Amino acid sequence: MNSSTVPPEPMGLELNHKTILGLGRYQALDIDGMQAETLAGLLRQMLRLRRTEEAILHEYHPADEIRCPVHFCIGQEAMPAALSLLVEAEDYLFSHHRTHGYYFAKGAPMREFFAEIYGRVTGANQGRAGSMDISHEASRFYGGAILSGSIGIAVGAAYALQHRHSRQISIAGFGEGATEEGAFWEAVNYAGLRRLPILFLCENNRYSVYSDQTKRQASDNICERVATFGVRARRIFGNDAALTHRTLQLEMEAMREGGGPALVEAYTYRWNSHVGPEDDSDNEYRTVEEIAFWRQNCPIRLLEEKLTAAGRFDSVRRENLESEIAAEIAENFKFAKSSPFPHIDDWRTANWNPASPLADRLLETLTESEFDQYQAEAKLAPY
């Protein structure tokens, strides 16, 4: 696959938040040359994620049994779905506070996700993390509520993978708001300098809570700024699942072959409030026309219509898929609700542990001269 197989902009348009709204009905989705299995997988994964999010949204109230705030990704399913078909078990994936899609993409157990947001001991983090900080160590997935906080950790993981001469990569998912933090630019700078195997995924959904990107940043040009640090940067229409898959595949393959870091900026849109199931439209920070545009260009609808027109999808397959997904979600709810709450004897040690046996042992056995030698060797190591 070469770069010519992934058009950087739809229909030759320079993407930004202003030009996107002029697209009308998106017409550039192209499935030619893509395997039937891949296309079916994209549609299935998007629909699974959409139905999961909708089910949680409807369950949140009036039951009030979910024990944490939740940030839904309804409308932003293309990126997680594409990533889920490409990421490998040994890759590391780090997420921001809108974790659901990335947890899903890494293939971490969904029933443990449900149990976690219900605060149950069978959850991914024994019910202690909730939605924003959920992680699943066995799946090498780590969420984080601190804005851009996990990006630096993702760079550290990429550094370790490079020194192990591994083909695995590190992936950091975040929104455009994270690019307003100094930690993001430090991470990008170091990744570019050391040519680390890290993929930065920016889901640009325009708003940081209620604040428009164009009112927070002088220019809608994240890709151009990132490229100056020696990081390949590409922007795409993020509701085009086929294009998203081709783009990620191209960059991840290059990265596994030593091609260095890359950023993919996907313009997309959350349909719901910044946080929670409630409607925040009373703030009137988004126009009716803007919301209508993005709903019209639903990533699931765009791909489904294309596959149907090509004779690769029909109402019977849709019904079977919906039934399968509904059964899975019902079982996840059942598992979560039937699980016990955690029992914690001492809340002071719920989130930290004063014992550090490995660090203590290393400090006991490592002399100062050995430490200095290690640091000197690290500085001389080729990159």
Protein backbone atom coordinates (compact mmCIF):
# COMPACT_ATOMS: atom_id res chain seq x y z
CA MET A 1 0.00 0.00 0.00
CA ASN A 2 1.35 3.44 -0.87
CA SER A 3 0.26 6.93 0.09
CA SER A 4 -1.62 7.40 -3.17
CA THR A 5 -4.22 4.84 -2.01
CA VAL A 6 -5.30 7.18 0.78
CA PRO A 7 -6.58 10.54 -0.48
CA PRO A 8 -5.65 13.16 2.14
CA GLU A 9 -8.83 15.19 1.66
CA PRO A 10 -12.29 14.25 0.36
CA MET A 11 -12.98 15.56 -3.13
CA GLY A 12 -9.84 17.70 -3.03
CA LEU A 13 -11.22 19.86 -0.22
CA GLU A 14 -8.94 21.35 2.41
CA LEU A 15 -10.54 20.06 5.58
CA ASN A 16 -11.36 22.31 8.49
CA HIS A 17 -14.44 22.92 10.57
CA LYS A 18 -15.76 25.58 8.22
CA THR A 19 -15.29 23.72 4.94
CA ILE A 20 -16.65 20.43 6.29
CA LEU A 21 -20.12 21.88 6.82
CA GLY A 22 -20.20 22.78 3.15
CA LEU A 23 -19.86 19.16 2.08
CA GLY A 24 -23.59 18.47 2.39
CA ARG A 25 -24.12 14.74 2.03
CA TYR A 26 -20.69 13.09 2.01
CA GLN A 27 -20.12 11.35 -1.33
CA ALA A 28 -16.46 10.30 -1.25
CA LEU A 29 -16.73 6.98 0.62
CA ASP A 30 -14.97 4.38 -1.55
CA ILE A 31 -14.98 0.63 -0.88
CA ASP A 32 -13.25 -0.47 -4.09
CA GLY A 33 -10.39 -2.86 -3.44
CA MET A 34 -11.36 -3.51 0.18
CA GLN A 35 -11.96 -7.06 1.34
CA ALA A 36 -15.54 -8.08 2.09
CA GLU A 37 -14.46 -9.33 5.51
CA THR A 38 -12.95 -5.96 6.39
CA LEU A 39 -16.03 -4.01 5.32
CA ALA A 40 -18.36 -6.36 7.20
CA GLY A 41 -16.12 -6.06 10.25
CA LEU A 42 -16.19 -2.26 10.11
CA LEU A 43 -19.97 -2.15 9.96
CA ARG A 44 -20.38 -4.76 12.69
CA GLN A 45 -17.96 -3.06 15.05
CA MET A 46 -19.51 0.38 14.53
CA LEU A 47 -22.97 -0.97 15.16
CA ARG A 48 -21.83 -2.90 18.26
CA LEU A 49 -20.28 0.22 19.71
CA ARG A 50 -23.28 2.41 18.84
CA ARG A 51 -25.79 0.00 20.38
CA THR A 52 -23.62 -0.42 23.49
CA GLU A 53 -23.42 3.32 24.02
CA GLU A 54 -27.14 3.79 23.40
CA ALA A 55 -28.00 1.03 25.86
CA ILE A 56 -25.85 2.58 28.58
CA LEU A 57 -27.26 6.03 27.86
CA HIS A 58 -30.85 4.81 28.24
CA GLU A 59 -30.02 2.79 31.35
CA TYR A 60 -28.18 5.59 33.15
CA HIS A 61 -31.43 7.25 34.22
CA PRO A 62 -33.85 6.67 35.85
CA ALA A 63 -32.22 3.60 37.41
CA ASP A 64 -29.21 5.62 38.65
CA GLU A 65 -27.23 2.42 39.21
CA ILE A 66 -24.20 3.40 37.13
CA ARG A 67 -21.60 4.64 39.58
CA CYS A 68 -19.61 7.15 37.54
CA PRO A 69 -19.89 9.95 34.96
CA VAL A 70 -19.72 8.74 31.37
CA HIS A 71 -18.49 10.39 28.17
CA PHE A 72 -20.28 8.83 25.20
CA CYS A 73 -18.76 8.48 21.74
CA ILE A 74 -22.00 8.14 19.77
CA GLY A 75 -21.27 9.52 16.30
CA GLN A 76 -17.55 8.81 16.57
CA GLU A 77 -17.59 5.06 15.89
CA ALA A 78 -15.49 4.96 12.72
CA MET A 79 -12.11 5.40 14.39
CA PRO A 80 -12.58 2.74 17.11
CA ALA A 81 -14.07 0.29 14.60
CA ALA A 82 -11.19 0.69 12.15
CA LEU A 83 -8.63 0.49 14.92
CA SER A 84 -10.21 -2.69 16.31
CA LEU A 85 -9.47 -4.51 13.04
CA LEU A 86 -5.83 -3.40 12.92
CA VAL A 87 -4.45 -3.20 16.45
CA GLU A 88 -2.51 -6.23 17.70
CA ALA A 89 -2.70 -7.84 21.12
CA GLU A 90 0.83 -6.78 22.06
CA ASP A 91 0.37 -3.14 21.00
CA TYR A 92 -0.26 -0.54 23.70
CA LEU A 93 -3.32 1.71 23.49
CA PHE A 94 -3.76 4.78 25.68
CA SER A 95 -6.94 6.84 25.82
CA HIS A 96 -8.25 10.13 27.12
CA HIS A 97 -11.39 10.53 29.25
CA ARG A 98 -13.75 9.48 26.41
CA THR A 99 -12.56 5.91 26.82
CA HIS A 100 -15.38 3.67 25.66
CA GLY A 101 -14.47 3.47 21.97
CA TYR A 102 -10.79 2.86 22.62
CA TYR A 103 -11.44 0.19 25.27
CA PHE A 104 -13.71 -1.44 22.71
CA ALA A 105 -11.09 -1.07 19.95
CA LYS A 106 -8.43 -2.89 21.96
CA GLY A 107 -10.67 -5.91 22.35
CA ALA A 108 -10.78 -5.69 26.14
CA PRO A 109 -13.64 -7.70 27.70
CA MET A 110 -16.91 -5.79 27.37
CA ARG A 111 -18.58 -7.48 30.32
CA GLU A 112 -15.75 -6.17 32.52
CA PHE A 113 -16.37 -2.73 31.05
CA PHE A 114 -20.04 -2.89 32.02
CA ALA A 115 -19.18 -4.12 35.50
CA GLU A 116 -16.65 -1.32 35.94
CA ILE A 117 -19.07 1.49 35.21
CA TYR A 118 -21.49 -0.13 37.67
CA GLY A 119 -18.75 -0.06 40.30
CA ARG A 120 -18.62 -3.84 40.69
CA VAL A 121 -15.68 -5.93 41.81
CA THR A 122 -15.77 -7.92 38.55
CA GLY A 123 -15.02 -4.76 36.59
CA ALA A 124 -11.83 -4.15 34.66
CA ASN A 125 -10.45 -2.24 37.68
CA GLN A 126 -12.52 -3.91 40.41
CA GLY A 127 -15.06 -1.11 40.22
CA ARG A 128 -12.61 1.56 41.41
CA ALA A 129 -11.85 3.45 38.19
CA GLY A 130 -15.16 3.96 36.48
CA SER A 131 -15.49 5.18 32.91
CA MET A 132 -12.88 7.93 32.56
CA ASP A 133 -9.95 6.06 34.11
CA ILE A 134 -10.80 2.52 33.05
CA SER A 135 -7.85 0.34 32.09
CA HIS A 136 -7.33 -3.32 31.25
CA GLU A 137 -3.74 -4.32 31.82
CA ALA A 138 -4.00 -7.76 30.23
CA SER A 139 -5.22 -6.10 27.03
CA ARG A 140 -2.56 -3.36 27.23
CA PHE A 141 -5.25 -0.69 27.36
CA TYR A 142 -5.01 2.34 29.66
CA GLY A 143 -7.48 5.21 30.04
CA GLY A 144 -6.85 8.51 31.78
CA ALA A 145 -9.04 11.43 32.80
CA ILE A 146 -6.25 14.04 32.88
CA LEU A 147 -6.32 16.01 29.63
CA SER A 148 -3.40 14.78 27.48
CA GLY A 149 -2.00 13.00 30.55
CA SER A 150 -1.79 9.58 28.93
CA ILE A 151 -0.01 10.87 25.81
CA GLY A 152 3.35 11.17 27.55
CA ILE A 153 2.94 7.66 28.96
CA ALA A 154 2.22 6.39 25.45
CA VAL A 155 5.49 7.95 24.29
CA GLY A 156 7.28 6.17 27.13
CA ALA A 157 5.79 2.86 26.01
CA ALA A 158 6.92 3.57 22.43
CA TYR A 159 10.43 4.29 23.72
CA ALA A 160 10.51 0.92 25.51
CA LEU A 161 9.24 -0.90 22.42
CA GLN A 162 11.92 0.71 20.29
CA HIS A 163 14.66 -0.42 22.66
CA ARG A 164 13.30 -3.95 22.62
CA HIS A 165 13.47 -3.90 18.80
CA SER A 166 9.82 -4.92 18.80
CA ARG A 167 7.44 -4.62 15.85
CA GLN A 168 4.72 -3.55 18.24
CA ILE A 169 3.55 0.04 18.45
CA SER A 170 2.09 2.45 20.96
CA ILE A 171 -1.14 4.33 20.20
CA ALA A 172 -2.47 7.47 21.89
CA GLY A 173 -6.08 8.52 21.36
CA PHE A 174 -7.28 12.02 22.30
CA GLY A 175 -9.39 14.98 21.21
CA GLU A 176 -8.28 18.29 19.75
CA GLY A 177 -8.45 19.85 23.23
CA ALA A 178 -5.39 17.82 24.24
CA THR A 179 -3.31 19.75 21.69
CA GLU A 180 -3.65 22.82 23.89
CA GLU A 181 -1.57 21.21 26.62
CA GLY A 182 2.20 21.55 26.80
CA ALA A 183 2.51 17.85 27.54
CA PHE A 184 1.18 17.07 24.06
CA TRP A 185 3.85 19.11 22.29
CA GLU A 186 6.62 17.72 24.49
CA ALA A 187 5.44 14.24 23.55
CA VAL A 188 5.28 15.06 19.84
CA ASN A 189 8.72 16.67 19.96
CA TYR A 190 10.36 13.67 21.62
CA ALA A 191 8.56 11.17 19.39
CA GLY A 192 9.74 13.00 16.28
CA LEU A 193 13.28 13.38 17.58
CA ARG A 194 13.67 9.68 18.44
CA ARG A 195 11.48 8.38 15.59
CA LEU A 196 9.43 6.39 18.06
CA PRO A 197 6.81 3.83 16.98
CA ILE A 198 3.81 5.81 18.19
CA LEU A 199 0.56 6.64 16.44
CA PHE A 200 -1.19 9.80 17.65
CA LEU A 201 -4.93 9.65 16.96
CA CYS A 202 -6.70 13.00 17.25
CA GLU A 203 -10.47 12.73 17.03
CA ASN A 204 -11.23 16.37 16.34
CA ASN A 205 -14.88 16.81 17.34
CA ARG A 206 -14.56 20.60 17.50
CA TYR A 207 -15.67 21.20 21.09
CA SER A 208 -13.85 21.06 24.39
CA VAL A 209 -16.91 20.83 26.65
CA TYR A 210 -18.76 23.89 25.22
CA SER A 211 -15.80 25.73 23.66
CA ASP A 212 -15.35 25.82 19.89
CA GLN A 213 -11.84 24.98 18.69
CA THR A 214 -11.78 28.10 16.53
CA LYS A 215 -12.27 30.18 19.68
CA ARG A 216 -9.52 28.34 21.55
CA GLN A 217 -6.82 28.11 18.88
CA ALA A 218 -5.62 30.75 16.44
CA SER A 219 -5.89 28.34 13.52
CA ASP A 220 -7.45 24.97 12.77
CA ASN A 221 -4.13 23.53 11.63
CA ILE A 222 -3.08 20.81 14.07
CA CYS A 223 -1.58 18.67 11.30
CA GLU A 224 0.65 21.45 10.00
CA ARG A 225 1.96 22.23 13.47
CA VAL A 226 2.64 18.58 14.31
CA ALA A 227 4.50 18.01 11.03
CA THR A 228 7.14 20.59 11.99
CA PHE A 229 8.34 18.17 14.70
CA GLY A 230 9.23 15.45 12.21
CA VAL A 231 5.99 13.54 12.70
CA ARG A 232 4.00 12.45 9.65
CA ALA A 233 0.60 14.12 9.89
CA ARG A 234 -2.56 13.48 7.91
CA ARG A 235 -6.14 14.74 8.23
CA ILE A 236 -9.20 12.80 7.13
CA PHE A 237 -12.98 12.97 7.26
CA GLY A 238 -13.38 10.80 10.33
CA ASN A 239 -16.90 9.54 9.59
CA ASP A 240 -15.67 7.69 6.51
CA ALA A 241 -14.95 4.27 8.03
CA ALA A 242 -13.36 2.88 4.87
CA LEU A 243 -10.98 5.82 4.56
CA THR A 244 -10.21 5.68 8.26
CA HIS A 245 -9.30 2.00 8.00
CA ARG A 246 -7.06 2.53 4.95
CA THR A 247 -5.32 5.47 6.60
CA LEU A 248 -4.64 3.66 9.87
CA GLN A 249 -3.49 0.56 8.04
CA LEU A 250 -1.03 2.60 5.98
CA GLU A 251 0.44 4.38 9.00
CA MET A 252 0.56 1.33 11.28
CA GLU A 253 2.28 -0.79 8.65
CA ALA A 254 4.87 1.93 8.06
CA MET A 255 5.44 2.29 11.78
CA ARG A 256 5.99 -1.44 12.29
CA GLU A 257 8.70 -1.26 9.64
CA GLY A 258 10.57 1.52 11.43
CA GLY A 259 8.90 4.45 9.69
CA GLY A 260 8.69 6.58 12.82
CA PRO A 261 5.76 8.38 14.42
CA ALA A 262 2.58 9.63 12.77
CA LEU A 263 -0.53 11.60 13.61
CA VAL A 264 -3.95 11.05 12.07
CA GLU A 265 -6.43 13.85 12.68
CA ALA A 266 -9.97 12.62 12.09
CA TYR A 267 -12.69 15.26 11.88
CA THR A 268 -15.74 13.77 13.56
CA TYR A 269 -18.52 14.75 15.94
CA ARG A 270 -20.15 13.63 19.17
CA TRP A 271 -23.92 13.62 18.97
CA ASN A 272 -24.46 13.79 22.70
CA SER A 273 -23.50 16.10 25.51
CA HIS A 274 -19.89 16.47 26.51
CA VAL A 275 -20.60 14.21 29.48
CA GLY A 276 -23.56 12.18 30.67
CA PRO A 277 -26.88 11.23 29.14
CA GLU A 278 -28.45 14.65 29.63
CA ASP A 279 -28.93 17.02 26.72
CA ASP A 280 -26.67 20.10 26.95
CA SER A 281 -28.17 21.89 23.94
CA ASP A 282 -29.77 24.50 26.19
CA ASN A 283 -26.35 26.16 26.17
CA GLU A 284 -26.83 26.77 22.44
CA TYR A 285 -23.13 26.34 21.74
CA ARG A 286 -23.87 24.25 18.64
CA THR A 287 -26.17 25.22 15.79
CA VAL A 288 -29.10 23.10 14.69
CA GLU A 289 -27.66 23.02 11.17
CA GLU A 290 -24.31 21.72 12.38
CA ILE A 291 -25.87 18.89 14.37
CA ALA A 292 -28.10 18.01 11.39
CA PHE A 293 -25.06 17.84 9.08
CA TRP A 294 -23.24 15.33 11.26
CA ARG A 295 -26.33 13.20 11.87
CA GLN A 296 -26.91 13.11 8.13
CA ASN A 297 -23.33 11.89 7.75
CA CYS A 298 -23.55 9.19 10.40
CA PRO A 299 -20.56 6.84 9.88
CA ILE A 300 -22.75 3.73 10.18
CA ARG A 301 -25.31 5.03 7.73
CA LEU A 302 -22.68 6.08 5.17
CA LEU A 303 -21.05 2.64 5.08
CA GLU A 304 -24.29 0.69 5.29
CA GLU A 305 -25.78 2.53 2.32
CA LYS A 306 -22.63 1.94 0.27
CA LEU A 307 -22.59 -1.78 1.08
CA THR A 308 -26.31 -2.13 0.38
CA ALA A 309 -25.95 -0.43 -3.00
CA ALA A 310 -23.11 -2.82 -3.83
CA GLY A 311 -25.23 -5.85 -2.88
CA ARG A 312 -23.05 -6.67 0.12
CA PHE A 313 -25.63 -5.95 2.83
CA ASP A 314 -29.39 -6.25 3.23
CA SER A 315 -32.21 -6.07 5.76
CA VAL A 316 -31.92 -9.75 6.73
CA ARG A 317 -28.25 -9.40 7.60
CA ARG A 318 -29.02 -6.22 9.48
CA GLU A 319 -31.72 -7.95 11.53
CA ASN A 320 -29.45 -10.87 12.39
CA LEU A 321 -26.66 -8.52 13.37
CA GLU A 322 -28.95 -6.43 15.56
CA SER A 323 -30.21 -9.58 17.33
CA GLU A 324 -26.68 -10.81 17.98
CA ILE A 325 -25.61 -7.45 19.39
CA ALA A 326 -28.73 -7.08 21.55
CA ALA A 327 -28.11 -10.50 23.11
CA GLU A 328 -24.50 -9.60 23.85
CA ILE A 329 -25.46 -6.32 25.51
CA ALA A 330 -28.18 -7.97 27.60
CA GLU A 331 -25.69 -10.52 28.86
CA ASN A 332 -23.21 -7.79 29.76
CA PHE A 333 -25.85 -5.92 31.76
CA LYS A 334 -26.81 -9.13 33.53
CA PHE A 335 -23.21 -9.87 34.45
CA ALA A 336 -22.62 -6.36 35.76
CA LYS A 337 -25.79 -6.09 37.81
CA SER A 338 -25.39 -9.51 39.36
CA SER A 339 -21.80 -8.87 40.44
CA PRO A 340 -20.98 -7.72 43.99
CA PHE A 341 -19.56 -4.38 45.00
CA PRO A 342 -15.92 -4.33 46.12
CA HIS A 343 -15.09 -4.61 49.79
CA ILE A 344 -12.31 -2.26 50.84
CA ASP A 345 -10.97 -2.41 54.39
CA ASP A 346 -8.87 0.74 54.20
CA TRP A 347 -9.83 3.53 51.76
CA ARG A 348 -6.41 5.13 52.21
CA THR A 349 -4.85 2.34 50.15
CA ALA A 350 -7.68 2.07 47.59
CA ASN A 351 -5.71 3.97 44.94
CA TRP A 352 -2.13 3.71 46.10
CA ASN A 353 0.15 1.26 47.85
CA PRO A 354 3.17 2.30 49.93
CA ALA A 355 4.91 -1.00 49.18
CA SER A 356 7.25 -1.01 46.19
CA PRO A 357 9.21 -4.28 46.45
CA LEU A 358 10.60 -4.24 42.92
CA ALA A 359 11.85 -0.66 43.18
CA ASP A 360 13.28 -1.33 46.66
CA ARG A 361 15.13 -4.40 45.41
CA LEU A 362 16.58 -2.56 42.43
CA LEU A 363 17.76 0.32 44.60
CA GLU A 364 19.43 -2.11 46.98
CA THR A 365 21.34 -3.93 44.23
CA LEU A 366 22.16 -1.08 41.86
CA THR A 367 25.27 0.89 42.77
CA GLU A 368 25.77 4.54 41.89
CA SER A 369 28.49 3.70 39.38
CA GLU A 370 26.26 1.14 37.67
CA PHE A 371 23.48 3.71 37.41
CA ASP A 372 25.86 6.25 35.87
CA GLN A 373 27.08 3.63 33.39
CA TYR A 374 23.52 2.75 32.42
CA GLN A 375 22.71 6.41 31.79
CA ALA A 376 25.83 6.87 29.70
CA GLU A 377 24.99 3.84 27.54
CA ALA A 378 21.45 5.07 27.05
CA LYS A 379 22.70 8.42 25.74
CA LEU A 380 24.96 6.67 23.21
CA ALA A 381 22.31 4.22 22.00
CA PRO A 382 21.46 4.64 18.30
CA TYR A 383 17.98 5.72 17.29
